[in-house]
Structure formats: C-alpha cells, structure tokens
Amino acid sequence: MATIESIQKAYIDFVLTEGEQPKSVYIFAKKNKMSEEEFYRFFSSFDAIEGNIWTAFVLKTIAEIKTQEVWNQYTSREKALSFFYSFFELLKSSRSFVVYSMKKQPKPFNTPQIFIGIKDVFENFCNGLIVEGIESNELSDRKYFTNRYKDALWVQLVFILNFWINDNSAGFEKTDEAIEKGINVTFDLFQRSPIDNLFEYGKFLAKNGGIKSGVWQ
C-alpha cells in the first residue's frame, strides 16, 4: 500500500536516476506498483511531492532545534543561527535531491510553487523569533520595516541555499562561514542603531517644540 513516505522515496529515486520528473502519473504509478487513485490520495502532482519534501525539511529542523536544552536561553539571533546550521546539516543527507530541485528552478528566484510551503513555515518561525527579539529589546521595532524582517531572513535562506549547492569546500565550511556572516549582518540591521536614536531624537524635538526653543533664538 502506498504511503506519503513511499511515494516521496520513489519520486526521489526516479528524478535522481532519470534527471527529470516522470512523464506522467500513470507511468510513475505503474512503475511503482500502485494505482493512480492511490497516488492522488496523497498528492495532486509531482511538484506537490517536491514541495512536501522541502516543507518537511524545515519542519524537522524546527522540531529538532527546539528540543535543545539551551533553546529557551538563546537570543533571537542565536535561534536563527541554530536553525540555519541545523537545516544545512540536515540537507547534507539529501544533497543530490536538493541540487536537482534547486537547479531546475527558474532564475531569478521568484518563489516557485514548490517553495510556497517551506516559505510559509519558515516565515512563521521567523516571525516568532522577531516578536521575541522585540519584546526583549534585542531587536528594534521600526514602523513600516519590522514586518519586512522575515523577508530579509527568507532572502538569506535562498541565498545560502544557492551558495551551498555550489560550495566545493571541505565539509562545506564556506557555507558555515556564509551563514555566520549573513545572519549576523542581518540581525545587526534589525537591532537599534545610531540612526534609530537620531530619528527618536528628531521625533522628540518635533513633539516638544525643541526646534523652536533652541539656543539660537
């Protein structure tokens, strides 16, 4: 009897052997001794299988990192770093599939259908980190921009995915370096900076008439 896992495994086997998706569900089902009805009970298309695999990668990573004893002691930045390091560690066991899947996506990367699920789950996870960071004053709550923080982290994930599939360094150490630098720079931008203090000061002066009552009057 077909299951989600057996169909996914058969699909990965096929695309890595043939270098492309099956020509039809009928051919795929027949090859794997199942009926089309069994296939459609779980998936609507081959892209749906692929999207499910990607989403499972993210869900498994989130579940695993949250079991760490120190998880609740981490800052939002540390939680993001933990996700990225753990995610790419998990992908190593499925690298051939990841390379196949990434390289067939259109450029520029405009969130293909198979990545809709992973993006939704990832951004929901990031929103949680951002809310925690703002509540702890680790991150700056900026009008108009705070809602875009998750987008910046999604851009980082896509960038590092593309970096990783082309990384030929031993143990993918260059990818680890890209994660460290990319996430740290991104969170630096999320934190309060001198420009925030300047804006706050300007708002204070405008609200309290400080500009009119300056020493030059």
N, C-alpha and C. Protein backbone atom coordinates (compact mmCIF):
# COMPACT_ATOMS: atom_id res chain seq x y z
N MET A 1 0.85 -1.21 0.00
CA MET A 1 0.00 0.00 0.00
C MET A 1 0.88 1.25 0.00
N ALA A 2 0.53 2.19 -0.85
CA ALA A 2 1.30 3.42 -0.95
C ALA A 2 1.12 4.30 0.27
N THR A 3 2.17 5.01 0.63
CA THR A 3 2.12 5.98 1.72
C THR A 3 2.81 7.26 1.26
N ILE A 4 2.68 8.31 2.04
CA ILE A 4 3.37 9.56 1.70
C ILE A 4 4.87 9.29 1.58
N GLU A 5 5.42 8.58 2.55
CA GLU A 5 6.85 8.32 2.58
C GLU A 5 7.30 7.46 1.40
N SER A 6 6.52 6.43 1.05
CA SER A 6 6.93 5.55 -0.05
C SER A 6 6.87 6.27 -1.39
N ILE A 7 5.87 7.14 -1.56
CA ILE A 7 5.77 7.91 -2.81
C ILE A 7 6.92 8.90 -2.91
N GLN A 8 7.24 9.57 -1.81
CA GLN A 8 8.36 10.51 -1.81
C GLN A 8 9.68 9.81 -2.15
N LYS A 9 9.90 8.67 -1.53
CA LYS A 9 11.13 7.91 -1.77
C LYS A 9 11.22 7.48 -3.24
N ALA A 10 10.11 6.98 -3.77
CA ALA A 10 10.09 6.55 -5.17
C ALA A 10 10.32 7.73 -6.11
N TYR A 11 9.75 8.89 -5.77
CA TYR A 11 9.93 10.09 -6.59
C TYR A 11 11.39 10.53 -6.59
N ILE A 12 11.99 10.58 -5.40
CA ILE A 12 13.40 10.99 -5.31
C ILE A 12 14.27 10.03 -6.10
N ASP A 13 14.01 8.73 -5.98
CA ASP A 13 14.75 7.71 -6.73
C ASP A 13 14.66 7.98 -8.23
N PHE A 14 13.45 8.28 -8.67
CA PHE A 14 13.22 8.48 -10.11
C PHE A 14 13.97 9.69 -10.63
N VAL A 15 13.78 10.84 -9.98
CA VAL A 15 14.38 12.08 -10.51
C VAL A 15 15.91 12.06 -10.44
N LEU A 16 16.45 11.36 -9.44
CA LEU A 16 17.91 11.30 -9.35
C LEU A 16 18.50 10.31 -10.34
N THR A 17 17.70 9.34 -10.75
CA THR A 17 18.15 8.37 -11.76
C THR A 17 17.96 8.91 -13.17
N GLU A 18 16.80 9.53 -13.40
CA GLU A 18 16.46 9.99 -14.75
C GLU A 18 16.83 11.46 -14.99
N GLY A 19 17.02 12.23 -13.92
CA GLY A 19 17.36 13.64 -14.09
C GLY A 19 16.19 14.53 -14.43
N GLU A 20 14.98 13.99 -14.34
CA GLU A 20 13.78 14.76 -14.63
C GLU A 20 12.57 14.10 -13.99
N GLN A 21 11.46 14.84 -13.93
CA GLN A 21 10.23 14.27 -13.39
C GLN A 21 9.67 13.21 -14.35
N PRO A 22 8.88 12.27 -13.82
CA PRO A 22 8.23 11.28 -14.69
C PRO A 22 7.36 11.98 -15.74
N LYS A 23 7.17 11.34 -16.86
CA LYS A 23 6.37 11.93 -17.93
C LYS A 23 4.89 12.04 -17.55
N SER A 24 4.43 11.12 -16.71
CA SER A 24 3.03 11.16 -16.28
C SER A 24 2.86 10.41 -14.97
N VAL A 25 1.75 10.69 -14.29
CA VAL A 25 1.44 9.98 -13.06
C VAL A 25 1.19 8.51 -13.38
N TYR A 26 0.60 8.25 -14.52
CA TYR A 26 0.31 6.85 -14.91
C TYR A 26 1.60 6.04 -14.97
N ILE A 27 2.61 6.58 -15.66
CA ILE A 27 3.89 5.87 -15.80
C ILE A 27 4.54 5.68 -14.44
N PHE A 28 4.53 6.73 -13.63
CA PHE A 28 5.14 6.66 -12.30
C PHE A 28 4.42 5.64 -11.42
N ALA A 29 3.10 5.66 -11.44
CA ALA A 29 2.31 4.74 -10.61
C ALA A 29 2.54 3.30 -11.04
N LYS A 30 2.53 3.07 -12.33
CA LYS A 30 2.72 1.71 -12.85
C LYS A 30 4.09 1.18 -12.47
N LYS A 31 5.11 2.03 -12.60
CA LYS A 31 6.48 1.63 -12.27
C LYS A 31 6.61 1.24 -10.80
N ASN A 32 5.81 1.88 -9.95
CA ASN A 32 5.90 1.65 -8.50
C ASN A 32 4.75 0.82 -7.94
N LYS A 33 4.07 0.09 -8.87
CA LYS A 33 3.04 -0.88 -8.48
C LYS A 33 1.95 -0.28 -7.59
N MET A 34 1.47 0.86 -8.02
CA MET A 34 0.32 1.49 -7.33
C MET A 34 -0.65 1.99 -8.39
N SER A 35 -1.84 2.30 -8.00
CA SER A 35 -2.81 2.86 -8.94
C SER A 35 -2.72 4.37 -8.92
N GLU A 36 -3.22 5.00 -9.97
CA GLU A 36 -3.26 6.47 -9.99
C GLU A 36 -4.10 6.99 -8.82
N GLU A 37 -5.15 6.26 -8.50
CA GLU A 37 -6.01 6.66 -7.40
C GLU A 37 -5.23 6.75 -6.09
N GLU A 38 -4.33 5.77 -5.88
CA GLU A 38 -3.51 5.78 -4.66
C GLU A 38 -2.60 7.00 -4.65
N PHE A 39 -2.02 7.31 -5.81
CA PHE A 39 -1.14 8.48 -5.90
C PHE A 39 -1.90 9.75 -5.53
N TYR A 40 -3.06 9.94 -6.17
CA TYR A 40 -3.81 11.18 -5.96
C TYR A 40 -4.46 11.26 -4.58
N ARG A 41 -4.45 10.17 -3.87
CA ARG A 41 -4.96 10.19 -2.49
C ARG A 41 -4.02 11.04 -1.62
N PHE A 42 -2.75 11.12 -2.01
CA PHE A 42 -1.76 11.83 -1.21
C PHE A 42 -1.24 13.11 -1.86
N PHE A 43 -1.11 13.10 -3.19
CA PHE A 43 -0.52 14.25 -3.89
C PHE A 43 -1.29 14.58 -5.15
N SER A 44 -1.35 15.87 -5.46
CA SER A 44 -2.06 16.31 -6.66
C SER A 44 -1.16 16.36 -7.88
N SER A 45 0.17 16.38 -7.66
CA SER A 45 1.12 16.48 -8.77
C SER A 45 2.52 16.12 -8.28
N PHE A 46 3.46 16.06 -9.20
CA PHE A 46 4.85 15.80 -8.83
C PHE A 46 5.44 17.00 -8.09
N ASP A 47 5.03 18.20 -8.49
CA ASP A 47 5.50 19.40 -7.78
C ASP A 47 5.01 19.40 -6.33
N ALA A 48 3.81 18.83 -6.12
CA ALA A 48 3.29 18.75 -4.75
C ALA A 48 4.15 17.83 -3.90
N ILE A 49 4.66 16.75 -4.49
CA ILE A 49 5.57 15.85 -3.77
C ILE A 49 6.82 16.62 -3.38
N GLU A 50 7.37 17.32 -4.34
CA GLU A 50 8.62 18.05 -4.11
C GLU A 50 8.43 19.12 -3.04
N GLY A 51 7.32 19.84 -3.12
CA GLY A 51 7.05 20.87 -2.12
C GLY A 51 6.90 20.29 -0.73
N ASN A 52 6.27 19.13 -0.65
CA ASN A 52 6.09 18.45 0.63
C ASN A 52 7.43 18.04 1.23
N ILE A 53 8.35 17.59 0.39
CA ILE A 53 9.68 17.19 0.86
C ILE A 53 10.41 18.39 1.44
N TRP A 54 10.36 19.52 0.73
CA TRP A 54 11.03 20.73 1.21
C TRP A 54 10.43 21.21 2.53
N THR A 55 9.11 21.22 2.61
CA THR A 55 8.46 21.66 3.84
C THR A 55 8.83 20.76 5.01
N ALA A 56 8.94 19.46 4.74
CA ALA A 56 9.31 18.51 5.79
C ALA A 56 10.72 18.79 6.31
N PHE A 57 11.63 19.23 5.42
CA PHE A 57 12.99 19.58 5.85
C PHE A 57 12.94 20.67 6.93
N VAL A 58 12.14 21.70 6.67
CA VAL A 58 12.06 22.83 7.60
C VAL A 58 11.37 22.42 8.90
N LEU A 59 10.27 21.70 8.78
CA LEU A 59 9.53 21.28 9.97
C LEU A 59 10.39 20.39 10.87
N LYS A 60 11.15 19.48 10.25
CA LYS A 60 12.01 18.59 11.03
C LYS A 60 13.11 19.39 11.72
N THR A 61 13.69 20.36 11.02
CA THR A 61 14.74 21.20 11.61
C THR A 61 14.21 21.96 12.82
N ILE A 62 13.05 22.60 12.67
CA ILE A 62 12.46 23.38 13.77
C ILE A 62 12.17 22.49 14.97
N ALA A 63 11.61 21.31 14.70
CA ALA A 63 11.29 20.38 15.80
C ALA A 63 12.53 19.97 16.54
N GLU A 64 13.62 19.71 15.81
CA GLU A 64 14.85 19.23 16.45
C GLU A 64 15.55 20.31 17.25
N ILE A 65 15.64 21.52 16.71
CA ILE A 65 16.37 22.57 17.44
C ILE A 65 15.61 23.00 18.70
N LYS A 66 14.30 22.86 18.70
CA LYS A 66 13.53 23.25 19.88
C LYS A 66 13.66 22.26 21.02
N THR A 67 14.27 21.11 20.75
CA THR A 67 14.48 20.13 21.82
C THR A 67 15.80 20.38 22.56
N GLN A 68 16.62 21.31 22.07
CA GLN A 68 17.89 21.62 22.72
C GLN A 68 17.64 22.20 24.10
N GLU A 69 18.41 21.75 25.06
CA GLU A 69 18.23 22.22 26.45
C GLU A 69 18.40 23.73 26.59
N VAL A 70 19.28 24.29 25.74
CA VAL A 70 19.57 25.72 25.85
C VAL A 70 18.67 26.58 24.98
N TRP A 71 17.71 25.96 24.27
CA TRP A 71 16.91 26.70 23.31
C TRP A 71 16.25 27.94 23.91
N ASN A 72 15.62 27.79 25.05
CA ASN A 72 14.90 28.91 25.64
C ASN A 72 15.82 30.00 26.20
N GLN A 73 17.10 29.69 26.29
CA GLN A 73 18.06 30.68 26.77
C GLN A 73 18.69 31.46 25.61
N TYR A 74 18.47 30.99 24.39
CA TYR A 74 19.05 31.64 23.22
C TYR A 74 18.39 32.99 22.95
N THR A 75 19.17 33.91 22.39
CA THR A 75 18.62 35.15 21.86
C THR A 75 17.98 34.82 20.50
N SER A 76 17.25 35.76 19.94
CA SER A 76 16.65 35.54 18.63
C SER A 76 17.73 35.29 17.57
N ARG A 77 18.82 36.01 17.67
CA ARG A 77 19.93 35.82 16.73
C ARG A 77 20.48 34.40 16.84
N GLU A 78 20.67 33.93 18.05
CA GLU A 78 21.21 32.59 18.26
C GLU A 78 20.24 31.51 17.78
N LYS A 79 18.95 31.76 17.93
CA LYS A 79 17.96 30.81 17.44
C LYS A 79 17.97 30.74 15.93
N ALA A 80 18.13 31.89 15.29
CA ALA A 80 18.21 31.91 13.83
C ALA A 80 19.45 31.17 13.34
N LEU A 81 20.58 31.42 14.00
CA LEU A 81 21.81 30.72 13.63
C LEU A 81 21.66 29.21 13.82
N SER A 82 21.03 28.82 14.92
CA SER A 82 20.81 27.40 15.20
C SER A 82 19.98 26.77 14.09
N PHE A 83 18.94 27.47 13.65
CA PHE A 83 18.11 26.94 12.56
C PHE A 83 18.94 26.75 11.30
N PHE A 84 19.67 27.78 10.91
CA PHE A 84 20.42 27.71 9.65
C PHE A 84 21.47 26.61 9.68
N TYR A 85 22.25 26.53 10.75
CA TYR A 85 23.27 25.48 10.84
C TYR A 85 22.62 24.09 10.81
N SER A 86 21.54 23.92 11.55
CA SER A 86 20.87 22.61 11.63
C SER A 86 20.19 22.24 10.32
N PHE A 87 19.61 23.23 9.66
CA PHE A 87 18.93 22.99 8.39
C PHE A 87 19.89 22.46 7.34
N PHE A 88 21.04 23.11 7.23
CA PHE A 88 22.00 22.68 6.20
C PHE A 88 22.71 21.39 6.59
N GLU A 89 22.81 21.12 7.86
CA GLU A 89 23.33 19.83 8.30
C GLU A 89 22.36 18.73 7.88
N LEU A 90 21.07 18.98 8.05
CA LEU A 90 20.05 18.01 7.64
C LEU A 90 20.06 17.79 6.13
N LEU A 91 20.26 18.85 5.37
CA LEU A 91 20.22 18.74 3.91
C LEU A 91 21.37 17.91 3.34
N LYS A 92 22.45 17.77 4.10
CA LYS A 92 23.60 17.00 3.60
C LYS A 92 23.21 15.59 3.20
N SER A 93 22.29 14.98 3.95
CA SER A 93 21.89 13.60 3.66
C SER A 93 21.00 13.52 2.41
N SER A 94 20.54 14.67 1.92
CA SER A 94 19.68 14.69 0.72
C SER A 94 20.25 15.65 -0.32
N ARG A 95 21.55 15.84 -0.31
CA ARG A 95 22.17 16.86 -1.17
C ARG A 95 21.86 16.66 -2.65
N SER A 96 21.91 15.43 -3.13
CA SER A 96 21.66 15.18 -4.55
C SER A 96 20.27 15.65 -4.96
N PHE A 97 19.29 15.37 -4.11
CA PHE A 97 17.93 15.82 -4.41
C PHE A 97 17.84 17.35 -4.35
N VAL A 98 18.46 17.95 -3.34
CA VAL A 98 18.41 19.41 -3.19
C VAL A 98 19.03 20.09 -4.41
N VAL A 99 20.18 19.59 -4.86
CA VAL A 99 20.85 20.16 -6.03
C VAL A 99 19.95 20.04 -7.26
N TYR A 100 19.36 18.86 -7.44
CA TYR A 100 18.43 18.65 -8.57
C TYR A 100 17.28 19.64 -8.51
N SER A 101 16.65 19.74 -7.36
CA SER A 101 15.47 20.58 -7.20
C SER A 101 15.79 22.06 -7.38
N MET A 102 16.90 22.51 -6.80
CA MET A 102 17.27 23.92 -6.91
C MET A 102 17.65 24.31 -8.32
N LYS A 103 18.40 23.45 -9.00
CA LYS A 103 18.93 23.81 -10.31
C LYS A 103 17.86 23.85 -11.40
N LYS A 104 16.72 23.24 -11.15
CA LYS A 104 15.67 23.28 -12.18
C LYS A 104 14.69 24.44 -11.96
N GLN A 105 14.93 25.22 -10.90
CA GLN A 105 14.04 26.36 -10.65
C GLN A 105 14.42 27.52 -11.57
N PRO A 106 13.42 28.30 -12.00
CA PRO A 106 13.70 29.45 -12.88
C PRO A 106 14.49 30.52 -12.14
N LYS A 107 15.29 31.25 -12.88
CA LYS A 107 16.02 32.39 -12.34
C LYS A 107 15.45 33.65 -12.98
N PRO A 108 15.32 34.78 -12.25
CA PRO A 108 15.63 34.88 -10.83
C PRO A 108 14.66 34.08 -9.98
N PHE A 109 15.03 33.92 -8.71
CA PHE A 109 14.25 33.08 -7.79
C PHE A 109 13.00 33.84 -7.37
N ASN A 110 11.85 33.47 -7.95
CA ASN A 110 10.60 34.16 -7.64
C ASN A 110 9.63 33.26 -6.87
N THR A 111 10.13 32.54 -5.92
CA THR A 111 9.34 31.62 -5.09
C THR A 111 8.45 30.71 -5.95
N PRO A 112 9.05 29.71 -6.58
CA PRO A 112 8.27 28.73 -7.35
C PRO A 112 7.24 28.04 -6.45
N GLN A 113 6.27 27.41 -7.07
CA GLN A 113 5.18 26.77 -6.35
C GLN A 113 5.68 25.78 -5.32
N ILE A 114 6.75 25.03 -5.63
CA ILE A 114 7.21 24.01 -4.69
C ILE A 114 7.80 24.61 -3.41
N PHE A 115 8.08 25.91 -3.42
CA PHE A 115 8.66 26.55 -2.25
C PHE A 115 7.65 27.37 -1.44
N ILE A 116 6.40 27.36 -1.86
CA ILE A 116 5.38 28.12 -1.13
C ILE A 116 5.24 27.60 0.30
N GLY A 117 5.19 26.27 0.44
CA GLY A 117 5.02 25.67 1.76
C GLY A 117 6.18 25.95 2.68
N ILE A 118 7.39 25.76 2.17
CA ILE A 118 8.58 25.99 3.01
C ILE A 118 8.67 27.47 3.40
N LYS A 119 8.30 28.37 2.48
CA LYS A 119 8.37 29.79 2.79
C LYS A 119 7.39 30.16 3.90
N ASP A 120 6.17 29.63 3.83
CA ASP A 120 5.17 29.93 4.85
C ASP A 120 5.62 29.44 6.23
N VAL A 121 6.13 28.22 6.29
CA VAL A 121 6.56 27.65 7.57
C VAL A 121 7.77 28.41 8.10
N PHE A 122 8.73 28.71 7.23
CA PHE A 122 9.93 29.42 7.64
C PHE A 122 9.61 30.82 8.13
N GLU A 123 8.76 31.54 7.41
CA GLU A 123 8.44 32.91 7.81
C GLU A 123 7.64 32.94 9.11
N ASN A 124 6.80 31.95 9.32
CA ASN A 124 6.07 31.86 10.58
C ASN A 124 7.03 31.65 11.75
N PHE A 125 8.02 30.79 11.53
CA PHE A 125 9.07 30.56 12.53
C PHE A 125 9.83 31.86 12.80
N CYS A 126 10.21 32.56 11.74
CA CYS A 126 10.97 33.81 11.88
C CYS A 126 10.16 34.88 12.59
N ASN A 127 8.86 34.94 12.31
CA ASN A 127 8.01 35.93 12.98
C ASN A 127 8.05 35.73 14.49
N GLY A 128 8.06 34.46 14.91
CA GLY A 128 8.15 34.17 16.34
C GLY A 128 9.44 34.69 16.94
N LEU A 129 10.55 34.48 16.23
CA LEU A 129 11.85 34.97 16.71
C LEU A 129 11.87 36.49 16.78
N ILE A 130 11.27 37.13 15.80
CA ILE A 130 11.27 38.60 15.74
C ILE A 130 10.44 39.18 16.88
N VAL A 131 9.28 38.60 17.14
CA VAL A 131 8.44 39.06 18.25
C VAL A 131 9.19 38.92 19.56
N GLU A 132 9.85 37.78 19.76
CA GLU A 132 10.64 37.57 20.98
C GLU A 132 11.74 38.61 21.09
N GLY A 133 12.41 38.87 19.98
CA GLY A 133 13.52 39.82 19.98
C GLY A 133 13.08 41.23 20.30
N ILE A 134 11.92 41.62 19.79
CA ILE A 134 11.39 42.96 20.07
C ILE A 134 10.97 43.07 21.54
N GLU A 135 10.32 42.02 22.04
CA GLU A 135 9.88 42.04 23.44
C GLU A 135 11.06 42.11 24.41
N SER A 136 12.19 41.51 24.04
CA SER A 136 13.37 41.51 24.92
C SER A 136 14.28 42.70 24.65
N ASN A 137 13.88 43.57 23.70
CA ASN A 137 14.67 44.74 23.29
C ASN A 137 15.96 44.37 22.57
N GLU A 138 16.04 43.12 22.13
CA GLU A 138 17.21 42.71 21.32
C GLU A 138 17.11 43.34 19.93
N LEU A 139 15.87 43.45 19.42
CA LEU A 139 15.64 43.98 18.09
C LEU A 139 14.85 45.28 18.17
N SER A 140 15.02 46.11 17.16
CA SER A 140 14.34 47.39 17.13
C SER A 140 12.99 47.26 16.41
N ASP A 141 11.94 47.80 17.00
CA ASP A 141 10.61 47.78 16.39
C ASP A 141 10.46 49.04 15.54
N ARG A 142 10.61 48.90 14.24
CA ARG A 142 10.58 50.04 13.34
C ARG A 142 9.28 50.06 12.55
N LYS A 143 8.62 51.18 12.55
CA LYS A 143 7.39 51.34 11.79
C LYS A 143 7.69 51.09 10.31
N TYR A 144 6.84 50.36 9.64
CA TYR A 144 6.94 50.01 8.23
C TYR A 144 7.99 48.92 7.92
N PHE A 145 9.04 48.81 8.75
CA PHE A 145 10.12 47.89 8.42
C PHE A 145 10.09 46.56 9.18
N THR A 146 9.53 46.58 10.39
CA THR A 146 9.54 45.37 11.21
C THR A 146 8.88 44.19 10.48
N ASN A 147 7.80 44.48 9.77
CA ASN A 147 7.10 43.41 9.05
C ASN A 147 7.91 42.84 7.90
N ARG A 148 9.01 43.53 7.56
CA ARG A 148 9.86 43.06 6.46
C ARG A 148 11.06 42.24 6.95
N TYR A 149 11.24 42.15 8.26
CA TYR A 149 12.37 41.40 8.80
C TYR A 149 12.36 39.95 8.32
N LYS A 150 11.17 39.35 8.34
CA LYS A 150 11.07 37.94 7.92
C LYS A 150 11.47 37.79 6.46
N ASP A 151 11.18 38.80 5.64
CA ASP A 151 11.55 38.75 4.23
C ASP A 151 13.07 38.75 4.07
N ALA A 152 13.74 39.52 4.91
CA ALA A 152 15.20 39.57 4.85
C ALA A 152 15.80 38.21 5.20
N LEU A 153 15.19 37.52 6.15
CA LEU A 153 15.68 36.19 6.53
C LEU A 153 15.38 35.16 5.44
N TRP A 154 14.26 35.31 4.75
CA TRP A 154 13.95 34.43 3.63
C TRP A 154 14.97 34.62 2.51
N VAL A 155 15.31 35.87 2.24
CA VAL A 155 16.34 36.16 1.22
C VAL A 155 17.65 35.50 1.60
N GLN A 156 18.00 35.53 2.88
CA GLN A 156 19.22 34.88 3.35
C GLN A 156 19.15 33.38 3.11
N LEU A 157 18.00 32.77 3.39
CA LEU A 157 17.87 31.32 3.21
C LEU A 157 18.05 30.94 1.74
N VAL A 158 17.41 31.69 0.86
CA VAL A 158 17.52 31.41 -0.58
C VAL A 158 18.95 31.60 -1.05
N PHE A 159 19.59 32.69 -0.59
CA PHE A 159 20.97 32.97 -0.99
C PHE A 159 21.90 31.84 -0.55
N ILE A 160 21.76 31.43 0.71
CA ILE A 160 22.66 30.41 1.24
C ILE A 160 22.39 29.04 0.61
N LEU A 161 21.14 28.76 0.27
CA LEU A 161 20.83 27.52 -0.46
C LEU A 161 21.58 27.48 -1.78
N ASN A 162 21.53 28.58 -2.52
CA ASN A 162 22.25 28.64 -3.79
C ASN A 162 23.76 28.59 -3.58
N PHE A 163 24.22 29.21 -2.52
CA PHE A 163 25.65 29.18 -2.20
C PHE A 163 26.08 27.74 -1.88
N TRP A 164 25.26 27.05 -1.09
CA TRP A 164 25.59 25.69 -0.64
C TRP A 164 25.70 24.69 -1.78
N ILE A 165 24.77 24.77 -2.74
CA ILE A 165 24.80 23.79 -3.83
C ILE A 165 26.01 23.99 -4.74
N ASN A 166 26.66 25.15 -4.64
CA ASN A 166 27.87 25.40 -5.43
C ASN A 166 29.14 25.40 -4.58
N ASP A 167 29.00 25.04 -3.32
CA ASP A 167 30.13 25.06 -2.39
C ASP A 167 30.95 23.78 -2.52
N ASN A 168 32.21 23.93 -2.91
CA ASN A 168 33.10 22.77 -3.05
C ASN A 168 34.13 22.67 -1.93
N SER A 169 33.97 23.47 -0.89
CA SER A 169 34.94 23.46 0.21
C SER A 169 34.76 22.22 1.07
N ALA A 170 35.82 21.81 1.74
CA ALA A 170 35.79 20.62 2.60
C ALA A 170 34.77 20.81 3.71
N GLY A 171 33.85 19.84 3.85
CA GLY A 171 32.85 19.91 4.90
C GLY A 171 31.91 21.09 4.76
N PHE A 172 31.89 21.70 3.56
CA PHE A 172 31.05 22.88 3.30
C PHE A 172 31.32 23.99 4.30
N GLU A 173 32.62 24.14 4.63
CA GLU A 173 32.98 25.15 5.63
C GLU A 173 32.69 26.57 5.14
N LYS A 174 32.74 26.78 3.83
CA LYS A 174 32.42 28.11 3.30
C LYS A 174 30.96 28.46 3.53
N THR A 175 30.10 27.45 3.47
CA THR A 175 28.68 27.68 3.74
C THR A 175 28.48 28.07 5.20
N ASP A 176 29.18 27.39 6.10
CA ASP A 176 29.10 27.75 7.52
C ASP A 176 29.51 29.20 7.73
N GLU A 177 30.55 29.61 7.00
CA GLU A 177 31.02 30.99 7.11
C GLU A 177 29.97 31.97 6.55
N ALA A 178 29.34 31.57 5.44
CA ALA A 178 28.30 32.42 4.84
C ALA A 178 27.11 32.57 5.78
N ILE A 179 26.76 31.48 6.48
CA ILE A 179 25.66 31.54 7.45
C ILE A 179 26.01 32.51 8.57
N GLU A 180 27.19 32.35 9.13
CA GLU A 180 27.60 33.20 10.26
C GLU A 180 27.59 34.66 9.87
N LYS A 181 28.22 34.97 8.75
CA LYS A 181 28.31 36.37 8.33
C LYS A 181 26.94 36.92 7.91
N GLY A 182 26.19 36.13 7.16
CA GLY A 182 24.90 36.60 6.65
C GLY A 182 23.88 36.85 7.75
N ILE A 183 23.77 35.92 8.68
CA ILE A 183 22.79 36.08 9.75
C ILE A 183 23.20 37.19 10.70
N ASN A 184 24.49 37.28 11.00
CA ASN A 184 24.95 38.34 11.91
C ASN A 184 24.74 39.73 11.30
N VAL A 185 25.03 39.88 10.02
CA VAL A 185 24.80 41.18 9.36
C VAL A 185 23.31 41.51 9.35
N THR A 186 22.49 40.51 9.05
CA THR A 186 21.04 40.73 9.00
C THR A 186 20.51 41.16 10.36
N PHE A 187 20.94 40.48 11.43
CA PHE A 187 20.46 40.84 12.76
C PHE A 187 21.05 42.16 13.24
N ASP A 188 22.24 42.50 12.77
CA ASP A 188 22.79 43.83 13.08
C ASP A 188 21.85 44.91 12.55
N LEU A 189 21.29 44.67 11.37
CA LEU A 189 20.38 45.64 10.78
C LEU A 189 19.05 45.70 11.53
N PHE A 190 18.68 44.58 12.16
CA PHE A 190 17.43 44.55 12.93
C PHE A 190 17.56 45.26 14.28
N GLN A 191 18.78 45.40 14.76
CA GLN A 191 18.99 45.98 16.09
C GLN A 191 18.99 47.49 16.04
N ARG A 192 18.80 48.07 17.21
CA ARG A 192 18.82 49.53 17.30
C ARG A 192 20.19 50.06 16.93
N SER A 193 20.20 51.11 16.13
CA SER A 193 21.46 51.69 15.64
C SER A 193 21.46 53.19 15.92
N PRO A 194 22.60 53.86 15.71
CA PRO A 194 22.65 55.31 15.91
C PRO A 194 21.59 56.06 15.12
N ILE A 195 21.24 55.57 13.92
CA ILE A 195 20.25 56.27 13.11
C ILE A 195 18.88 56.20 13.78
N ASP A 196 18.59 55.08 14.50
CA ASP A 196 17.33 54.99 15.24
C ASP A 196 17.30 56.04 16.33
N ASN A 197 18.41 56.20 17.02
CA ASN A 197 18.48 57.21 18.08
C ASN A 197 18.27 58.61 17.51
N LEU A 198 18.82 58.85 16.32
CA LEU A 198 18.66 60.15 15.68
C LEU A 198 17.19 60.41 15.33
N PHE A 199 16.52 59.39 14.78
CA PHE A 199 15.10 59.54 14.46
C PHE A 199 14.28 59.79 15.72
N GLU A 200 14.59 59.04 16.79
CA GLU A 200 13.86 59.22 18.04
C GLU A 200 14.06 60.63 18.59
N TYR A 201 15.27 61.14 18.46
CA TYR A 201 15.57 62.49 18.94
C TYR A 201 14.80 63.53 18.12
N GLY A 202 14.76 63.31 16.81
CA GLY A 202 14.02 64.23 15.94
C GLY A 202 12.54 64.23 16.28
N LYS A 203 11.98 63.05 16.53
CA LYS A 203 10.56 62.95 16.91
C LYS A 203 10.31 63.65 18.24
N PHE A 204 11.26 63.51 19.18
CA PHE A 204 11.13 64.15 20.49
C PHE A 204 11.13 65.67 20.34
N LEU A 205 12.07 66.19 19.53
CA LEU A 205 12.14 67.65 19.34
C LEU A 205 10.88 68.19 18.68
N ALA A 206 10.41 67.45 17.66
CA ALA A 206 9.21 67.91 16.95
C ALA A 206 8.00 67.91 17.88
N LYS A 207 7.89 66.89 18.70
CA LYS A 207 6.75 66.76 19.61
C LYS A 207 6.78 67.79 20.72
N ASN A 208 7.98 68.12 21.16
CA ASN A 208 8.10 69.01 22.32
C ASN A 208 8.52 70.44 21.98
N GLY A 209 8.50 70.76 20.70
CA GLY A 209 8.82 72.13 20.31
C GLY A 209 10.26 72.50 20.54
N GLY A 210 11.13 71.51 20.63
CA GLY A 210 12.53 71.79 20.92
C GLY A 210 13.24 72.56 19.85
N ILE A 211 12.75 72.40 18.60
CA ILE A 211 13.42 73.09 17.50
C ILE A 211 13.18 74.60 17.61
N LYS A 212 11.95 74.99 17.98
CA LYS A 212 11.63 76.41 18.07
C LYS A 212 12.29 77.07 19.26
N SER A 213 12.50 76.29 20.34
CA SER A 213 13.02 76.90 21.55
C SER A 213 14.53 76.69 21.71
N GLY A 214 15.21 76.49 20.57
CA GLY A 214 16.64 76.25 20.60
C GLY A 214 17.42 77.46 21.05
N VAL A 215 18.71 77.29 21.29
CA VAL A 215 19.56 78.35 21.85
C VAL A 215 19.80 79.47 20.84
N TRP A 216 19.48 79.23 19.55
CA TRP A 216 19.79 80.26 18.56
C TRP A 216 18.69 81.31 18.45
N GLN A 217 17.58 81.16 19.21
CA GLN A 217 16.54 82.18 19.12
C GLN A 217 16.97 83.46 19.83
